[in-house]
Amino acid sequence: MRNLIELEITPKIKTPFLMILAGQEQLVCNNAAKTFFEMTEVEDKDLVEYDDADHSIPRDNEYVK
């Protein structure tokens, strides 16, 4: 399966977005996610990384209030 960078998706993204990464991630490649984030041309974007979190950030009461 080709990745999103190879599919040239980044120039097509026009809406603001928030990317949340987990520092202890085991399912997603954070380096690839950060590259994707940097390649997007959207000006209104944010990247938040929780160093101690794993892939289940939404279910972790420490991060979800």
PDB file of N, CA and C in Angstrom:
ATOM      1  N   MET A   1       0.845  -1.188   0.000  1.00  0.00           N
ATOM      2  CA  MET A   1       0.000   0.000   0.000  1.00  0.00           C
ATOM      3  C   MET A   1       0.883   1.242   0.000  1.00  0.00           C
ATOM      4  N   ARG A   2       0.596   2.141  -0.884  1.00  0.00           N
ATOM      5  CA  ARG A   2       1.375   3.386  -0.941  1.00  0.00           C
ATOM      6  C   ARG A   2       0.979   4.299   0.212  1.00  0.00           C
ATOM      7  N   ASN A   3       1.940   5.073   0.691  1.00  0.00           N
ATOM      8  CA  ASN A   3       1.616   5.966   1.799  1.00  0.00           C
ATOM      9  C   ASN A   3       1.073   7.297   1.276  1.00  0.00           C
ATOM     10  N   LEU A   4       0.597   8.119   2.186  1.00  0.00           N
ATOM     11  CA  LEU A   4      -0.045   9.387   1.812  1.00  0.00           C
ATOM     12  C   LEU A   4       0.912  10.343   1.112  1.00  0.00           C
ATOM     13  N   ILE A   5       2.182  10.311   1.463  1.00  0.00           N
ATOM     14  CA  ILE A   5       3.151  11.192   0.816  1.00  0.00           C
ATOM     15  C   ILE A   5       3.327  10.784  -0.645  1.00  0.00           C
ATOM     16  N   GLU A   6       3.436   9.479  -0.892  1.00  0.00           N
ATOM     17  CA  GLU A   6       3.576   8.996  -2.259  1.00  0.00           C
ATOM     18  C   GLU A   6       2.334   9.300  -3.096  1.00  0.00           C
ATOM     19  N   LEU A   7       1.177   9.345  -2.463  1.00  0.00           N
ATOM     20  CA  LEU A   7      -0.074   9.627  -3.173  1.00  0.00           C
ATOM     21  C   LEU A   7      -0.266  11.121  -3.431  1.00  0.00           C
ATOM     22  N   GLU A   8       0.665  11.931  -2.964  1.00  0.00           N
ATOM     23  CA  GLU A   8       0.623  13.385  -3.148  1.00  0.00           C
ATOM     24  C   GLU A   8      -0.675  13.997  -2.614  1.00  0.00           C
ATOM     25  N   ILE A   9      -1.038  13.574  -1.415  1.00  0.00           N
ATOM     26  CA  ILE A   9      -2.251  14.050  -0.744  1.00  0.00           C
ATOM     27  C   ILE A   9      -2.041  15.438  -0.141  1.00  0.00           C
ATOM     28  N   THR A  10      -0.828  15.731   0.338  1.00  0.00           N
ATOM     29  CA  THR A  10      -0.610  16.962   1.104  1.00  0.00           C
ATOM     30  C   THR A  10      -1.018  18.241   0.382  1.00  0.00           C
ATOM     31  N   PRO A  11      -0.794  18.405  -0.920  1.00  0.00           N
ATOM     32  CA  PRO A  11      -1.236  19.654  -1.560  1.00  0.00           C
ATOM     33  C   PRO A  11      -2.763  19.789  -1.631  1.00  0.00           C
ATOM     34  N   LYS A  12      -3.466  18.689  -1.481  1.00  0.00           N
ATOM     35  CA  LYS A  12      -4.926  18.714  -1.576  1.00  0.00           C
ATOM     36  C   LYS A  12      -5.600  19.108  -0.269  1.00  0.00           C
ATOM     37  N   ILE A  13      -4.860  19.106   0.822  1.00  0.00           N
ATOM     38  CA  ILE A  13      -5.433  19.436   2.128  1.00  0.00           C
ATOM     39  C   ILE A  13      -5.508  20.949   2.248  1.00  0.00           C
ATOM     40  N   LYS A  14      -6.719  21.452   2.457  1.00  0.00           N
ATOM     41  CA  LYS A  14      -6.948  22.903   2.528  1.00  0.00           C
ATOM     42  C   LYS A  14      -7.554  23.343   3.860  1.00  0.00           C
ATOM     43  N   THR A  15      -8.089  22.406   4.642  1.00  0.00           N
ATOM     44  CA  THR A  15      -8.763  22.763   5.885  1.00  0.00           C
ATOM     45  C   THR A  15      -7.794  22.763   7.063  1.00  0.00           C
ATOM     46  N   PRO A  16      -8.057  23.588   8.073  1.00  0.00           N
ATOM     47  CA  PRO A  16      -7.236  23.569   9.284  1.00  0.00           C
ATOM     48  C   PRO A  16      -7.306  22.179   9.923  1.00  0.00           C
ATOM     49  N   PHE A  17      -6.236  21.787  10.607  1.00  0.00           N
ATOM     50  CA  PHE A  17      -6.280  20.495  11.282  1.00  0.00           C
ATOM     51  C   PHE A  17      -5.362  20.460  12.492  1.00  0.00           C
ATOM     52  N   LEU A  18      -5.666  19.507  13.367  1.00  0.00           N
ATOM     53  CA  LEU A  18      -4.894  19.249  14.573  1.00  0.00           C
ATOM     54  C   LEU A  18      -4.367  17.826  14.472  1.00  0.00           C
ATOM     55  N   MET A  19      -3.073  17.647  14.644  1.00  0.00           N
ATOM     56  CA  MET A  19      -2.481  16.311  14.668  1.00  0.00           C
ATOM     57  C   MET A  19      -2.007  16.043  16.091  1.00  0.00           C
ATOM     58  N   ILE A  20      -2.454  14.937  16.656  1.00  0.00           N
ATOM     59  CA  ILE A  20      -2.068  14.541  18.007  1.00  0.00           C
ATOM     60  C   ILE A  20      -1.261  13.256  17.908  1.00  0.00           C
ATOM     61  N   LEU A  21      -0.054  13.287  18.465  1.00  0.00           N
ATOM     62  CA  LEU A  21       0.827  12.122  18.426  1.00  0.00           C
ATOM     63  C   LEU A  21       1.129  11.636  19.837  1.00  0.00           C
ATOM     64  N   ALA A  22       1.327  10.333  19.951  1.00  0.00           N
ATOM     65  CA  ALA A  22       1.685   9.715  21.229  1.00  0.00           C
ATOM     66  C   ALA A  22       3.158   9.348  21.202  1.00  0.00           C
ATOM     67  N   GLY A  23       3.875   9.768  22.198  1.00  0.00           N
ATOM     68  CA  GLY A  23       5.309   9.513  22.265  1.00  0.00           C
ATOM     69  C   GLY A  23       5.662   8.037  22.376  1.00  0.00           C
ATOM     70  N   GLN A  24       4.763   7.236  22.932  1.00  0.00           N
ATOM     71  CA  GLN A  24       4.995   5.800  23.095  1.00  0.00           C
ATOM     72  C   GLN A  24       4.254   4.999  22.019  1.00  0.00           C
ATOM     73  N   GLU A  25       3.984   5.634  20.906  1.00  0.00           N
ATOM     74  CA  GLU A  25       3.232   5.027  19.798  1.00  0.00           C
ATOM     75  C   GLU A  25       3.907   3.757  19.286  1.00  0.00           C
ATOM     76  N   GLN A  26       3.083   2.729  19.024  1.00  0.00           N
ATOM     77  CA  GLN A  26       3.592   1.472  18.485  1.00  0.00           C
ATOM     78  C   GLN A  26       2.910   1.097  17.169  1.00  0.00           C
ATOM     79  N   LEU A  27       1.835   1.803  16.807  1.00  0.00           N
ATOM     80  CA  LEU A  27       1.079   1.470  15.596  1.00  0.00           C
ATOM     81  C   LEU A  27       1.313   2.441  14.447  1.00  0.00           C
ATOM     82  N   VAL A  28       1.636   3.680  14.766  1.00  0.00           N
ATOM     83  CA  VAL A  28       1.809   4.727  13.768  1.00  0.00           C
ATOM     84  C   VAL A  28       3.254   5.212  13.813  1.00  0.00           C
ATOM     85  N   CYS A  29       3.831   5.469  12.664  1.00  0.00           N
ATOM     86  CA  CYS A  29       5.198   5.995  12.614  1.00  0.00           C
ATOM     87  C   CYS A  29       5.149   7.513  12.828  1.00  0.00           C
ATOM     88  N   ASN A  30       5.579   7.958  13.993  1.00  0.00           N
ATOM     89  CA  ASN A  30       5.530   9.391  14.306  1.00  0.00           C
ATOM     90  C   ASN A  30       6.403  10.214  13.372  1.00  0.00           C
ATOM     91  N   ASN A  31       7.535   9.680  12.947  1.00  0.00           N
ATOM     92  CA  ASN A  31       8.392  10.425  12.021  1.00  0.00           C
ATOM     93  C   ASN A  31       7.679  10.662  10.698  1.00  0.00           C
ATOM     94  N   ALA A  32       6.982   9.665  10.202  1.00  0.00           N
ATOM     95  CA  ALA A  32       6.217   9.831   8.963  1.00  0.00           C
ATOM     96  C   ALA A  32       5.079  10.816   9.168  1.00  0.00           C
ATOM     97  N   ALA A  33       4.425  10.748  10.323  1.00  0.00           N
ATOM     98  CA  ALA A  33       3.331  11.679  10.619  1.00  0.00           C
ATOM     99  C   ALA A  33       3.846  13.120  10.670  1.00  0.00           C
ATOM    100  N   LYS A  34       5.000  13.322  11.288  1.00  0.00           N
ATOM    101  CA  LYS A  34       5.585  14.662  11.369  1.00  0.00           C
ATOM    102  C   LYS A  34       5.998  15.162   9.983  1.00  0.00           C
ATOM    103  N   THR A  35       6.521  14.279   9.153  1.00  0.00           N
ATOM    104  CA  THR A  35       6.873  14.657   7.781  1.00  0.00           C
ATOM    105  C   THR A  35       5.629  15.073   7.020  1.00  0.00           C
ATOM    106  N   PHE A  36       4.569  14.302   7.157  1.00  0.00           N
ATOM    107  CA  PHE A  36       3.293  14.630   6.530  1.00  0.00           C
ATOM    108  C   PHE A  36       2.808  15.997   7.001  1.00  0.00           C
ATOM    109  N   PHE A  37       2.870  16.236   8.318  1.00  0.00           N
ATOM    110  CA  PHE A  37       2.449  17.511   8.903  1.00  0.00           C
ATOM    111  C   PHE A  37       3.232  18.666   8.284  1.00  0.00           C
ATOM    112  N   GLU A  38       4.543  18.530   8.210  1.00  0.00           N
ATOM    113  CA  GLU A  38       5.387  19.591   7.665  1.00  0.00           C
ATOM    114  C   GLU A  38       5.143  19.822   6.176  1.00  0.00           C
ATOM    115  N   MET A  39       4.782  18.783   5.457  1.00  0.00           N
ATOM    116  CA  MET A  39       4.590  18.900   4.009  1.00  0.00           C
ATOM    117  C   MET A  39       3.273  19.568   3.628  1.00  0.00           C
ATOM    118  N   THR A  40       2.315  19.598   4.548  1.00  0.00           N
ATOM    119  CA  THR A  40       1.050  20.237   4.219  1.00  0.00           C
ATOM    120  C   THR A  40       1.236  21.740   4.133  1.00  0.00           C
ATOM    121  N   GLU A  41       0.516  22.357   3.232  1.00  0.00           N
ATOM    122  CA  GLU A  41       0.651  23.798   3.005  1.00  0.00           C
ATOM    123  C   GLU A  41      -0.324  24.622   3.830  1.00  0.00           C
ATOM    124  N   VAL A  42      -1.136  23.965   4.626  1.00  0.00           N
ATOM    125  CA  VAL A  42      -2.113  24.649   5.469  1.00  0.00           C
ATOM    126  C   VAL A  42      -1.377  25.484   6.516  1.00  0.00           C
ATOM    127  N   GLU A  43      -1.789  26.724   6.674  1.00  0.00           N
ATOM    128  CA  GLU A  43      -1.154  27.587   7.674  1.00  0.00           C
ATOM    129  C   GLU A  43      -1.746  27.381   9.061  1.00  0.00           C
ATOM    130  N   ASP A  44      -3.034  27.069   9.123  1.00  0.00           N
ATOM    131  CA  ASP A  44      -3.723  26.879  10.402  1.00  0.00           C
ATOM    132  C   ASP A  44      -3.695  25.398  10.765  1.00  0.00           C
ATOM    133  N   LYS A  45      -2.579  24.986  11.365  1.00  0.00           N
ATOM    134  CA  LYS A  45      -2.416  23.597  11.773  1.00  0.00           C
ATOM    135  C   LYS A  45      -1.622  23.563  13.064  1.00  0.00           C
ATOM    136  N   ASP A  46      -1.894  22.555  13.870  1.00  0.00           N
ATOM    137  CA  ASP A  46      -1.191  22.384  15.139  1.00  0.00           C
ATOM    138  C   ASP A  46      -0.798  20.931  15.307  1.00  0.00           C
ATOM    139  N   LEU A  47       0.337  20.721  15.946  1.00  0.00           N
ATOM    140  CA  LEU A  47       0.806  19.386  16.270  1.00  0.00           C
ATOM    141  C   LEU A  47       1.045  19.329  17.763  1.00  0.00           C
ATOM    142  N   VAL A  48       0.418  18.364  18.422  1.00  0.00           N
ATOM    143  CA  VAL A  48       0.579  18.169  19.859  1.00  0.00           C
ATOM    144  C   VAL A  48       1.102  16.756  20.057  1.00  0.00           C
ATOM    145  N   GLU A  49       2.141  16.624  20.874  1.00  0.00           N
ATOM    146  CA  GLU A  49       2.683  15.298  21.146  1.00  0.00           C
ATOM    147  C   GLU A  49       2.717  15.066  22.649  1.00  0.00           C
ATOM    148  N   TYR A  50       2.098  13.967  23.068  1.00  0.00           N
ATOM    149  CA  TYR A  50       2.106  13.561  24.472  1.00  0.00           C
ATOM    150  C   TYR A  50       3.179  12.485  24.624  1.00  0.00           C
ATOM    151  N   ASP A  51       4.313  12.857  25.206  1.00  0.00           N
ATOM    152  CA  ASP A  51       5.466  11.969  25.281  1.00  0.00           C
ATOM    153  C   ASP A  51       5.186  10.652  26.001  1.00  0.00           C
ATOM    154  N   ASP A  52       4.359  10.685  27.042  1.00  0.00           N
ATOM    155  CA  ASP A  52       4.123   9.488  27.849  1.00  0.00           C
ATOM    156  C   ASP A  52       2.913   8.673  27.405  1.00  0.00           C
ATOM    157  N   ALA A  53       2.211   9.128  26.383  1.00  0.00           N
ATOM    158  CA  ALA A  53       0.982   8.447  25.953  1.00  0.00           C
ATOM    159  C   ALA A  53       1.289   7.378  24.906  1.00  0.00           C
ATOM    160  N   ASP A  54       0.352   6.408  24.817  1.00  0.00           N
ATOM    161  CA  ASP A  54       0.457   5.415  23.752  1.00  0.00           C
ATOM    162  C   ASP A  54      -0.655   5.671  22.741  1.00  0.00           C
ATOM    163  N   HIS A  55      -0.939   4.725  21.886  1.00  0.00           N
ATOM    164  CA  HIS A  55      -1.884   4.907  20.794  1.00  0.00           C
ATOM    165  C   HIS A  55      -3.308   5.232  21.274  1.00  0.00           C
ATOM    166  N   SER A  56      -3.632   4.911  22.507  1.00  0.00           N
ATOM    167  CA  SER A  56      -4.990   5.071  23.031  1.00  0.00           C
ATOM    168  C   SER A  56      -5.211   6.389  23.748  1.00  0.00           C
ATOM    169  N   ILE A  57      -4.666   7.470  23.245  1.00  0.00           N
ATOM    170  CA  ILE A  57      -4.815   8.786  23.888  1.00  0.00           C
ATOM    171  C   ILE A  57      -6.274   9.114  24.209  1.00  0.00           C
ATOM    172  N   PRO A  58      -7.239   8.919  23.272  1.00  0.00           N
ATOM    173  CA  PRO A  58      -8.625   9.292  23.584  1.00  0.00           C
ATOM    174  C   PRO A  58      -9.227   8.547  24.769  1.00  0.00           C
ATOM    175  N   ARG A  59      -8.680   7.404  25.114  1.00  0.00           N
ATOM    176  CA  ARG A  59      -9.219   6.628  26.234  1.00  0.00           C
ATOM    177  C   ARG A  59      -8.430   6.834  27.518  1.00  0.00           C
ATOM    178  N   ASP A  60      -7.435   7.674  27.486  1.00  0.00           N
ATOM    179  CA  ASP A  60      -6.576   7.903  28.640  1.00  0.00           C
ATOM    180  C   ASP A  60      -7.079   9.125  29.393  1.00  0.00           C
ATOM    181  N   ASN A  61      -7.604   8.911  30.587  1.00  0.00           N
ATOM    182  CA  ASN A  61      -8.193  10.006  31.370  1.00  0.00           C
ATOM    183  C   ASN A  61      -7.181  11.076  31.751  1.00  0.00           C
ATOM    184  N   GLU A  62      -5.901  10.778  31.690  1.00  0.00           N
ATOM    185  CA  GLU A  62      -4.891  11.784  32.009  1.00  0.00           C
ATOM    186  C   GLU A  62      -4.880  12.905  30.973  1.00  0.00           C
ATOM    187  N   TYR A  63      -5.204  12.580  29.729  1.00  0.00           N
ATOM    188  CA  TYR A  63      -5.144  13.565  28.637  1.00  0.00           C
ATOM    189  C   TYR A  63      -6.500  14.097  28.223  1.00  0.00           C
ATOM    190  N   VAL A  64      -7.556  13.355  28.516  1.00  0.00           N
ATOM    191  CA  VAL A  64      -8.908  13.763  28.120  1.00  0.00           C
ATOM    192  C   VAL A  64      -9.623  14.290  29.357  1.00  0.00           C
ATOM    193  N   LYS A  65     -10.069  15.502  29.281  1.00  0.00           N
ATOM    194  CA  LYS A  65     -10.746  16.115  30.433  1.00  0.00           C
ATOM    195  C   LYS A  65     -12.219  16.265  30.128  1.00  0.00           C
TER     196      LYS A  65
END
